[in-house]
Amino acid sequence: MKFAKIRFEKIGPFDDTTLDFSKGNPGLHIVYGSNEAGKSSALKYIEWFLFGIPAQNDDNFKHAFGDFLIESTILDSNNKPLLLKRKKANKGKTFLDANNVDAASMFEPMLGGLVRETFSMQFGISHAQLRSGGREVLEGEGDLGTMIFEAGTGLANLRKILQKLEEKAAEIYPSKNSKLSVILKEAKENQEKIEQAKLSLNTWQNASELVAGLQKKVEELGDEKKKLGIKTS
């Protein structure tokens, strides 16, 4: 699926503004503009076109919610153009084809399983998200670092792998109140008692020398007793 055109009619800061990607050789398109030109808004509305306009948002500062309209001509896998429209409504159909027929069920397979969160992280990172995500990467927190790692390595199931590793870690070293933790704590306490009960090498050597000295003294006294002819009872 490719965008050929996308038109923002009465939504946010836009009044019938069109981005045309159909001209020239199809490929990489760069959308640029000055500050406050609407680049971030356009990126946000592309996401809204794909996955729906949030029920709660602050983009009605110029146009009423009921007037919101995002219209796009997309090309399917056979390069067949399809005109689709996204509206905001509390009830009824919000995603329509050129004949105002509900197109949600037809469009969903074209997303190939892509969901809003994945699109936002991989393809729709705004400047604010990029700065925030950069801090998360440096601090080892958040999902952006994981998403970038997945994209760079092709490891699409990194989250599931990390979750399984965390579960295994919990089995090996569970909470402090678990049976294993109690046993480990008792083993540590017993080890400390053993260390405290041990004699140092110097203490043992001193005791051994004292015993040897006393034994020698006893032998000397025995020899002296024999010389004096002292009898023992």
C-alpha atoms as a PDB file:
ATOM      1  CA  MET A   1       0.000   0.000   0.000  1.00  0.00           C
ATOM      2  CA  LYS A   2       1.256   3.473  -0.931  1.00  0.00           C
ATOM      3  CA  PHE A   3      -0.055   6.967  -0.502  1.00  0.00           C
ATOM      4  CA  ALA A   4      -0.616   8.723  -3.830  1.00  0.00           C
ATOM      5  CA  LYS A   5      -2.290  11.764  -2.299  1.00  0.00           C
ATOM      6  CA  ILE A   6      -3.574  12.796   1.085  1.00  0.00           C
ATOM      7  CA  ARG A   7      -5.801  15.811   1.686  1.00  0.00           C
ATOM      8  CA  PHE A   8      -6.518  17.483   5.024  1.00  0.00           C
ATOM      9  CA  GLU A   9      -9.844  19.273   4.813  1.00  0.00           C
ATOM     10  CA  LYS A  10     -10.986  21.272   7.823  1.00  0.00           C
ATOM     11  CA  ILE A  11      -8.876  19.628  10.479  1.00  0.00           C
ATOM     12  CA  GLY A  12      -6.428  21.255  12.858  1.00  0.00           C
ATOM     13  CA  PRO A  13      -4.673  24.167  11.132  1.00  0.00           C
ATOM     14  CA  PHE A  14      -5.499  22.973   7.611  1.00  0.00           C
ATOM     15  CA  ASP A  15      -8.081  24.150   5.082  1.00  0.00           C
ATOM     16  CA  ASP A  16      -8.100  21.837   2.067  1.00  0.00           C
ATOM     17  CA  THR A  17      -4.331  21.135   2.097  1.00  0.00           C
ATOM     18  CA  THR A  18      -3.047  18.323  -0.143  1.00  0.00           C
ATOM     19  CA  LEU A  19       0.223  16.402  -0.150  1.00  0.00           C
ATOM     20  CA  ASP A  20       0.691  14.887  -3.628  1.00  0.00           C
ATOM     21  CA  PHE A  21       3.104  11.935  -3.862  1.00  0.00           C
ATOM     22  CA  SER A  22       1.941  10.755  -7.292  1.00  0.00           C
ATOM     23  CA  LYS A  23       4.206  12.920  -9.435  1.00  0.00           C
ATOM     24  CA  GLY A  24       7.681  11.960 -10.596  1.00  0.00           C
ATOM     25  CA  ASN A  25       9.305   8.632  -9.849  1.00  0.00           C
ATOM     26  CA  PRO A  26       7.681   6.924  -6.843  1.00  0.00           C
ATOM     27  CA  GLY A  27      10.031   6.262  -3.984  1.00  0.00           C
ATOM     28  CA  LEU A  28      11.283   8.332  -1.093  1.00  0.00           C
ATOM     29  CA  HIS A  29       9.440  11.612  -0.554  1.00  0.00           C
ATOM     30  CA  ILE A  30      10.702  14.356   1.747  1.00  0.00           C
ATOM     31  CA  VAL A  31       8.151  16.766   3.190  1.00  0.00           C
ATOM     32  CA  TYR A  32       9.792  19.945   4.444  1.00  0.00           C
ATOM     33  CA  GLY A  33       8.715  23.375   5.558  1.00  0.00           C
ATOM     34  CA  SER A  34       9.398  26.191   7.969  1.00  0.00           C
ATOM     35  CA  ASN A  35       8.570  26.095  11.665  1.00  0.00           C
ATOM     36  CA  GLU A  36       4.833  25.897  12.400  1.00  0.00           C
ATOM     37  CA  ALA A  37       4.122  25.035   8.758  1.00  0.00           C
ATOM     38  CA  GLY A  38       2.158  21.947   9.860  1.00  0.00           C
ATOM     39  CA  LYS A  39       4.665  19.112   9.311  1.00  0.00           C
ATOM     40  CA  SER A  40       4.039  17.502  12.698  1.00  0.00           C
ATOM     41  CA  SER A  41       0.284  17.965  12.291  1.00  0.00           C
ATOM     42  CA  ALA A  42       0.394  16.294   8.866  1.00  0.00           C
ATOM     43  CA  LEU A  43       2.303  13.348  10.326  1.00  0.00           C
ATOM     44  CA  LYS A  44      -0.238  13.046  13.117  1.00  0.00           C
ATOM     45  CA  TYR A  45      -3.163  13.160  10.701  1.00  0.00           C
ATOM     46  CA  ILE A  46      -1.625  10.429   8.542  1.00  0.00           C
ATOM     47  CA  GLU A  47      -1.691   8.272  11.662  1.00  0.00           C
ATOM     48  CA  TRP A  48      -5.297   9.296  12.309  1.00  0.00           C
ATOM     49  CA  PHE A  49      -6.234   8.418   8.743  1.00  0.00           C
ATOM     50  CA  LEU A  50      -4.770   4.932   9.139  1.00  0.00           C
ATOM     51  CA  PHE A  51      -6.052   4.098  12.618  1.00  0.00           C
ATOM     52  CA  GLY A  52      -8.869   6.484  13.454  1.00  0.00           C
ATOM     53  CA  ILE A  53      -9.312   9.954  14.929  1.00  0.00           C
ATOM     54  CA  PRO A  54      -9.059   9.815  18.753  1.00  0.00           C
ATOM     55  CA  ALA A  55     -12.301  10.521  20.558  1.00  0.00           C
ATOM     56  CA  GLN A  56     -10.493  13.032  22.776  1.00  0.00           C
ATOM     57  CA  ASN A  57      -8.169  15.543  21.102  1.00  0.00           C
ATOM     58  CA  ASP A  58      -7.454  19.270  21.086  1.00  0.00           C
ATOM     59  CA  ASP A  59      -7.402  19.858  17.323  1.00  0.00           C
ATOM     60  CA  ASN A  60     -10.763  21.591  17.120  1.00  0.00           C
ATOM     61  CA  PHE A  61      -9.254  25.040  17.691  1.00  0.00           C
ATOM     62  CA  LYS A  62     -10.188  26.094  14.143  1.00  0.00           C
ATOM     63  CA  HIS A  63     -12.737  23.585  12.857  1.00  0.00           C
ATOM     64  CA  ALA A  64     -15.527  21.717  14.612  1.00  0.00           C
ATOM     65  CA  PHE A  65     -15.078  18.009  15.266  1.00  0.00           C
ATOM     66  CA  GLY A  66     -17.962  17.213  12.948  1.00  0.00           C
ATOM     67  CA  ASP A  67     -16.165  18.892  10.041  1.00  0.00           C
ATOM     68  CA  PHE A  68     -12.933  16.906  10.389  1.00  0.00           C
ATOM     69  CA  LEU A  69     -12.084  15.111   7.143  1.00  0.00           C
ATOM     70  CA  ILE A  70      -8.924  13.370   5.955  1.00  0.00           C
ATOM     71  CA  GLU A  71      -9.127  12.077   2.397  1.00  0.00           C
ATOM     72  CA  SER A  72      -6.496   9.972   0.665  1.00  0.00           C
ATOM     73  CA  THR A  73      -5.891   8.213  -2.625  1.00  0.00           C
ATOM     74  CA  ILE A  74      -3.892   5.101  -1.911  1.00  0.00           C
ATOM     75  CA  LEU A  75      -2.476   2.438  -4.215  1.00  0.00           C
ATOM     76  CA  ASP A  76      -3.061  -1.214  -3.363  1.00  0.00           C
ATOM     77  CA  SER A  77      -0.611  -4.049  -4.078  1.00  0.00           C
ATOM     78  CA  ASN A  78      -1.716  -3.979  -7.725  1.00  0.00           C
ATOM     79  CA  ASN A  79      -1.229  -0.201  -7.948  1.00  0.00           C
ATOM     80  CA  LYS A  80      -4.996   0.240  -8.168  1.00  0.00           C
ATOM     81  CA  PRO A  81      -6.016   3.671  -6.803  1.00  0.00           C
ATOM     82  CA  LEU A  82      -8.595   3.784  -4.017  1.00  0.00           C
ATOM     83  CA  LEU A  83     -10.174   6.938  -2.618  1.00  0.00           C
ATOM     84  CA  LEU A  84     -10.769   6.643   1.126  1.00  0.00           C
ATOM     85  CA  LYS A  85     -12.043   9.128   3.715  1.00  0.00           C
ATOM     86  CA  ARG A  86     -11.653   9.332   7.474  1.00  0.00           C
ATOM     87  CA  LYS A  87     -14.168  11.362   9.519  1.00  0.00           C
ATOM     88  CA  LYS A  88     -14.735  11.967  13.203  1.00  0.00           C
ATOM     89  CA  ALA A  89     -18.060  10.896  14.603  1.00  0.00           C
ATOM     90  CA  ASN A  90     -19.316   9.593  17.924  1.00  0.00           C
ATOM     91  CA  LYS A  91     -21.609   7.145  16.161  1.00  0.00           C
ATOM     92  CA  GLY A  92     -21.823   5.532  12.755  1.00  0.00           C
ATOM     93  CA  LYS A  93     -19.206   4.888  10.097  1.00  0.00           C
ATOM     94  CA  THR A  94     -16.013   6.900  10.203  1.00  0.00           C
ATOM     95  CA  PHE A  95     -13.991   5.287   7.374  1.00  0.00           C
ATOM     96  CA  LEU A  96     -15.605   5.435   3.942  1.00  0.00           C
ATOM     97  CA  ASP A  97     -14.809   4.791   0.306  1.00  0.00           C
ATOM     98  CA  ALA A  98     -15.603   7.116  -2.617  1.00  0.00           C
ATOM     99  CA  ASN A  99     -19.251   5.999  -2.515  1.00  0.00           C
ATOM    100  CA  ASN A 100     -19.547   6.655   1.236  1.00  0.00           C
ATOM    101  CA  VAL A 101     -19.669   2.929   1.936  1.00  0.00           C
ATOM    102  CA  ASP A 102     -17.946   1.584   5.046  1.00  0.00           C
ATOM    103  CA  ALA A 103     -14.402   0.651   4.011  1.00  0.00           C
ATOM    104  CA  ALA A 104     -12.933  -0.418   7.369  1.00  0.00           C
ATOM    105  CA  SER A 105     -13.100  -4.182   6.729  1.00  0.00           C
ATOM    106  CA  MET A 106     -11.597  -3.748   3.261  1.00  0.00           C
ATOM    107  CA  PHE A 107      -8.773  -1.520   4.490  1.00  0.00           C
ATOM    108  CA  GLU A 108      -7.669  -3.497   7.553  1.00  0.00           C
ATOM    109  CA  PRO A 109      -5.897  -6.307   5.598  1.00  0.00           C
ATOM    110  CA  MET A 110      -3.959  -3.654   3.691  1.00  0.00           C
ATOM    111  CA  LEU A 111      -2.290  -2.613   6.953  1.00  0.00           C
ATOM    112  CA  GLY A 112      -0.663  -6.029   7.193  1.00  0.00           C
ATOM    113  CA  GLY A 113      -1.140  -6.267  10.943  1.00  0.00           C
ATOM    114  CA  LEU A 114       0.317  -2.815  11.587  1.00  0.00           C
ATOM    115  CA  VAL A 115      -1.153  -1.175  14.703  1.00  0.00           C
ATOM    116  CA  ARG A 116      -1.137   2.421  15.888  1.00  0.00           C
ATOM    117  CA  GLU A 117       1.589   1.971  18.517  1.00  0.00           C
ATOM    118  CA  THR A 118       3.995   0.299  16.080  1.00  0.00           C
ATOM    119  CA  PHE A 119       3.364   2.909  13.396  1.00  0.00           C
ATOM    120  CA  SER A 120       3.899   5.724  15.879  1.00  0.00           C
ATOM    121  CA  MET A 121       7.219   4.292  17.069  1.00  0.00           C
ATOM    122  CA  GLN A 122       8.665   3.089  13.766  1.00  0.00           C
ATOM    123  CA  PHE A 123       7.236   5.434  11.155  1.00  0.00           C
ATOM    124  CA  GLY A 124       5.618   8.353  12.941  1.00  0.00           C
ATOM    125  CA  ILE A 125       8.168   9.601  15.467  1.00  0.00           C
ATOM    126  CA  SER A 126       7.731  13.317  16.011  1.00  0.00           C
ATOM    127  CA  HIS A 127      10.531  15.625  17.117  1.00  0.00           C
ATOM    128  CA  ALA A 128       9.214  15.624  20.688  1.00  0.00           C
ATOM    129  CA  GLN A 129       8.962  11.819  20.728  1.00  0.00           C
ATOM    130  CA  LEU A 130      12.462  11.511  19.285  1.00  0.00           C
ATOM    131  CA  ARG A 131      13.946  13.692  22.028  1.00  0.00           C
ATOM    132  CA  SER A 132      11.999  11.864  24.729  1.00  0.00           C
ATOM    133  CA  GLY A 133      12.872   8.472  23.247  1.00  0.00           C
ATOM    134  CA  GLY A 134      16.544   9.441  23.051  1.00  0.00           C
ATOM    135  CA  ARG A 135      16.542  10.042  26.783  1.00  0.00           C
ATOM    136  CA  GLU A 136      14.838   6.680  27.321  1.00  0.00           C
ATOM    137  CA  VAL A 137      17.490   4.921  25.214  1.00  0.00           C
ATOM    138  CA  LEU A 138      20.292   6.556  27.217  1.00  0.00           C
ATOM    139  CA  GLU A 139      18.607   5.614  30.486  1.00  0.00           C
ATOM    140  CA  GLY A 140      17.711   2.110  29.289  1.00  0.00           C
ATOM    141  CA  GLU A 141      13.997   2.732  29.748  1.00  0.00           C
ATOM    142  CA  GLY A 142      10.867   2.989  27.626  1.00  0.00           C
ATOM    143  CA  ASP A 143       9.890   1.229  24.394  1.00  0.00           C
ATOM    144  CA  LEU A 144      11.607   3.386  21.784  1.00  0.00           C
ATOM    145  CA  GLY A 145      15.005   1.774  22.314  1.00  0.00           C
ATOM    146  CA  THR A 146      13.420  -1.647  21.953  1.00  0.00           C
ATOM    147  CA  MET A 147      11.652  -0.631  18.755  1.00  0.00           C
ATOM    148  CA  ILE A 148      14.851   0.775  17.246  1.00  0.00           C
ATOM    149  CA  PHE A 149      16.729  -2.394  18.190  1.00  0.00           C
ATOM    150  CA  GLU A 150      14.029  -4.538  16.596  1.00  0.00           C
ATOM    151  CA  ALA A 151      14.130  -2.474  13.409  1.00  0.00           C
ATOM    152  CA  GLY A 152      17.923  -2.608  13.219  1.00  0.00           C
ATOM    153  CA  THR A 153      18.291  -6.352  13.871  1.00  0.00           C
ATOM    154  CA  GLY A 154      15.118  -7.710  12.317  1.00  0.00           C
ATOM    155  CA  LEU A 155      14.282  -9.271  15.686  1.00  0.00           C
ATOM    156  CA  ALA A 156      10.545  -8.642  15.628  1.00  0.00           C
ATOM    157  CA  ASN A 157       9.732 -10.589  18.822  1.00  0.00           C
ATOM    158  CA  LEU A 158      12.176  -8.850  21.127  1.00  0.00           C
ATOM    159  CA  ARG A 159       9.479  -7.885  23.626  1.00  0.00           C
ATOM    160  CA  LYS A 160       8.281 -11.483  23.921  1.00  0.00           C
ATOM    161  CA  ILE A 161      11.850 -12.710  24.363  1.00  0.00           C
ATOM    162  CA  LEU A 162      12.517 -10.122  27.071  1.00  0.00           C
ATOM    163  CA  GLN A 163       9.295 -11.088  28.821  1.00  0.00           C
ATOM    164  CA  LYS A 164      10.249 -14.774  28.808  1.00  0.00           C
ATOM    165  CA  LEU A 165      13.710 -13.955  30.159  1.00  0.00           C
ATOM    166  CA  GLU A 166      12.146 -11.912  32.953  1.00  0.00           C
ATOM    167  CA  GLU A 167       9.818 -14.816  33.796  1.00  0.00           C
ATOM    168  CA  LYS A 168      12.763 -17.230  33.894  1.00  0.00           C
ATOM    169  CA  ALA A 169      14.696 -14.830  36.095  1.00  0.00           C
ATOM    170  CA  ALA A 170      11.731 -14.659  38.457  1.00  0.00           C
ATOM    171  CA  GLU A 171      11.703 -18.469  38.674  1.00  0.00           C
ATOM    172  CA  ILE A 172      15.427 -18.624  39.422  1.00  0.00           C
ATOM    173  CA  TYR A 173      15.467 -15.730  41.865  1.00  0.00           C
ATOM    174  CA  PRO A 174      11.908 -15.135  43.058  1.00  0.00           C
ATOM    175  CA  SER A 175      10.584 -12.682  45.636  1.00  0.00           C
ATOM    176  CA  LYS A 176      12.156 -12.337  49.089  1.00  0.00           C
ATOM    177  CA  ASN A 177       9.260 -14.215  50.711  1.00  0.00           C
ATOM    178  CA  SER A 178       9.551 -17.319  48.517  1.00  0.00           C
ATOM    179  CA  LYS A 179      10.804 -20.663  49.825  1.00  0.00           C
ATOM    180  CA  LEU A 180      14.029 -20.439  47.826  1.00  0.00           C
ATOM    181  CA  SER A 181      14.780 -16.958  49.147  1.00  0.00           C
ATOM    182  CA  VAL A 182      14.215 -18.121  52.741  1.00  0.00           C
ATOM    183  CA  ILE A 183      16.583 -21.076  52.209  1.00  0.00           C
ATOM    184  CA  LEU A 184      19.223 -18.806  50.672  1.00  0.00           C
ATOM    185  CA  LYS A 185      18.906 -16.404  53.596  1.00  0.00           C
ATOM    186  CA  GLU A 186      19.306 -19.243  56.151  1.00  0.00           C
ATOM    187  CA  ALA A 187      22.312 -20.596  54.250  1.00  0.00           C
ATOM    188  CA  LYS A 188      23.948 -17.158  54.346  1.00  0.00           C
ATOM    189  CA  GLU A 189      23.303 -16.829  58.084  1.00  0.00           C
ATOM    190  CA  ASN A 190      24.767 -20.312  58.737  1.00  0.00           C
ATOM    191  CA  GLN A 191      27.817 -19.454  56.663  1.00  0.00           C
ATOM    192  CA  GLU A 192      28.345 -16.331  58.771  1.00  0.00           C
ATOM    193  CA  LYS A 193      28.113 -18.424  61.960  1.00  0.00           C
ATOM    194  CA  ILE A 194      30.688 -20.859  60.611  1.00  0.00           C
ATOM    195  CA  GLU A 195      33.031 -17.991  59.769  1.00  0.00           C
ATOM    196  CA  GLN A 196      32.619 -16.589  63.266  1.00  0.00           C
ATOM    197  CA  ALA A 197      33.322 -19.989  64.849  1.00  0.00           C
ATOM    198  CA  LYS A 198      36.501 -20.563  62.857  1.00  0.00           C
ATOM    199  CA  LEU A 199      39.892 -20.118  64.531  1.00  0.00           C
ATOM    200  CA  SER A 200      42.362 -17.913  62.780  1.00  0.00           C
ATOM    201  CA  LEU A 201      45.703 -19.428  61.724  1.00  0.00           C
ATOM    202  CA  ASN A 202      47.628 -17.378  64.316  1.00  0.00           C
ATOM    203  CA  THR A 203      45.277 -18.434  67.115  1.00  0.00           C
ATOM    204  CA  TRP A 204      45.672 -22.089  66.154  1.00  0.00           C
ATOM    205  CA  GLN A 205      49.458 -21.820  65.920  1.00  0.00           C
ATOM    206  CA  ASN A 206      49.668 -20.089  69.314  1.00  0.00           C
ATOM    207  CA  ALA A 207      47.425 -22.747  70.895  1.00  0.00           C
ATOM    208  CA  SER A 208      49.480 -25.542  69.317  1.00  0.00           C
ATOM    209  CA  GLU A 209      52.744 -24.029  70.596  1.00  0.00           C
ATOM    210  CA  LEU A 210      51.243 -23.653  74.079  1.00  0.00           C
ATOM    211  CA  VAL A 211      50.106 -27.303  74.124  1.00  0.00           C
ATOM    212  CA  ALA A 212      53.523 -28.457  72.872  1.00  0.00           C
ATOM    213  CA  GLY A 213      55.230 -26.367  75.554  1.00  0.00           C
ATOM    214  CA  LEU A 214      53.042 -27.815  78.290  1.00  0.00           C
ATOM    215  CA  GLN A 215      53.649 -31.361  77.078  1.00  0.00           C
ATOM    216  CA  LYS A 216      57.401 -30.730  77.142  1.00  0.00           C
ATOM    217  CA  LYS A 217      57.127 -29.329  80.658  1.00  0.00           C
ATOM    218  CA  VAL A 218      55.216 -32.414  81.792  1.00  0.00           C
ATOM    219  CA  GLU A 219      57.917 -34.661  80.319  1.00  0.00           C
ATOM    220  CA  GLU A 220      60.661 -32.661  82.065  1.00  0.00           C
ATOM    221  CA  LEU A 221      58.858 -32.901  85.376  1.00  0.00           C
ATOM    222  CA  GLY A 222      58.467 -36.639  84.868  1.00  0.00           C
ATOM    223  CA  ASP A 223      62.194 -37.034  84.264  1.00  0.00           C
ATOM    224  CA  GLU A 224      62.999 -34.925  87.340  1.00  0.00           C
ATOM    225  CA  LYS A 225      60.666 -37.036  89.434  1.00  0.00           C
ATOM    226  CA  LYS A 226      62.446 -40.228  88.409  1.00  0.00           C
ATOM    227  CA  LYS A 227      65.796 -38.759  89.341  1.00  0.00           C
ATOM    228  CA  LEU A 228      64.550 -37.855  92.794  1.00  0.00           C
ATOM    229  CA  GLY A 229      62.980 -41.278  93.260  1.00  0.00           C
ATOM    230  CA  ILE A 230      59.583 -39.883  94.020  1.00  0.00           C
ATOM    231  CA  LYS A 231      56.929 -42.565  93.983  1.00  0.00           C
ATOM    232  CA  THR A 232      53.402 -41.929  92.937  1.00  0.00           C
ATOM    233  CA  SER A 233      50.471 -43.676  94.420  1.00  0.00           C
END
